[in-house]
Protein backbone atom coordinates (compact mmCIF):
# COMPACT_ATOMS: atom_id res chain seq x y z
CA MET A 1 -51.88 -31.10 -49.80
CA THR A 2 -54.99 -29.43 -48.46
CA GLU A 3 -56.97 -32.67 -48.68
CA GLN A 4 -54.25 -34.76 -47.02
CA LEU A 5 -53.82 -32.24 -44.21
CA GLY A 6 -57.47 -31.34 -43.84
CA LEU A 7 -56.59 -27.64 -43.83
CA PRO A 8 -57.75 -24.74 -45.99
CA GLN A 9 -55.51 -23.68 -48.87
CA ASN A 10 -54.56 -20.35 -47.28
CA SER A 11 -53.31 -22.10 -44.11
CA VAL A 12 -51.23 -24.58 -46.10
CA SER A 13 -49.78 -21.77 -48.22
CA HIS A 14 -48.90 -19.76 -45.12
CA HIS A 15 -47.10 -22.67 -43.45
CA LEU A 16 -45.25 -23.60 -46.64
CA ARG A 17 -44.08 -19.98 -46.94
CA VAL A 18 -42.80 -20.03 -43.34
CA LEU A 19 -40.97 -23.32 -43.95
CA ARG A 20 -39.43 -21.93 -47.17
CA GLU A 21 -38.35 -18.71 -45.44
CA GLN A 22 -36.59 -20.80 -42.80
CA ARG A 23 -34.99 -22.89 -45.58
CA LEU A 24 -36.47 -26.11 -44.20
CA ILE A 25 -38.12 -26.91 -47.53
CA GLU A 26 -37.35 -26.14 -51.15
CA SER A 27 -39.84 -25.63 -53.93
CA ARG A 28 -39.68 -25.76 -57.69
CA ARG A 29 -41.91 -25.86 -60.74
CA LYS A 30 -41.35 -28.07 -63.74
CA PRO A 31 -40.76 -26.00 -66.89
CA GLU A 32 -43.27 -28.05 -68.85
CA ASP A 33 -46.07 -27.56 -66.30
CA GLN A 34 -45.96 -24.33 -64.30
CA ARG A 35 -49.28 -25.06 -62.57
CA TRP A 36 -47.78 -27.38 -59.98
CA VAL A 37 -45.27 -26.61 -57.26
CA TYR A 38 -43.11 -29.47 -55.99
CA TYR A 39 -41.76 -29.37 -52.44
CA ARG A 40 -39.00 -31.30 -50.72
CA LEU A 41 -37.11 -31.13 -47.47
CA ASN A 42 -33.86 -29.19 -47.70
CA PRO A 43 -31.25 -31.91 -47.03
CA ASP A 44 -28.59 -29.47 -45.79
CA GLU A 45 -30.97 -27.97 -43.23
CA MET A 46 -32.18 -31.42 -42.16
CA ASP A 47 -28.54 -32.43 -41.55
CA ARG A 48 -27.93 -29.24 -39.58
CA LEU A 49 -31.05 -29.83 -37.47
CA ALA A 50 -30.10 -33.47 -36.86
CA ARG A 51 -26.68 -32.37 -35.59
CA GLN A 52 -28.26 -29.72 -33.38
CA PHE A 53 -30.75 -32.18 -31.86
CA GLN A 54 -27.97 -34.71 -31.33
CA TYR A 55 -25.93 -32.06 -29.52
CA TRP A 56 -28.89 -31.23 -27.26
CA ALA A 57 -29.52 -34.92 -26.58
CA ASP A 58 -25.85 -35.44 -25.69
CA MET A 59 -25.92 -32.42 -23.36
CA ALA A 60 -29.08 -33.71 -21.66
CA HIS A 61 -27.37 -37.04 -20.93
CA LEU A 62 -24.27 -35.33 -19.56
CA ALA A 63 -26.12 -33.05 -17.15
CA PRO A 64 -29.68 -34.27 -16.48
CA GLU A 65 -29.75 -32.41 -13.16
CA HIS A 66 -29.67 -29.06 -14.99
CA GLU A 67 -33.30 -29.08 -16.01
CA ILE A 68 -34.97 -25.81 -16.89
CA LEU A 69 -38.54 -25.12 -15.85
CA CYS A 70 -40.56 -23.26 -18.45
CA PRO A 71 -43.97 -21.73 -17.71
C-alpha cells in the first residue's frame, strides 16, 4: 500500500488504524500466512454512511436556503 499511496509505512499504518477504530474497514490475516494483513471496507458501515449521505442530500434539496457558513 505504501508504494501505491506514495506514503511512508508509519503514515499508512496510522490511517489504517484510525479507519479500523471507526469500523470503516476490517482487517484479517490468513492462517496459512500471518505476514500479510488483508483489508476491506466494512459493508455495514458503508451502507450506514450511504444512508446518512442520502439523508443529508435530501435535506439540502428540501431547504437550500438554510445554508450554513463555516469559517
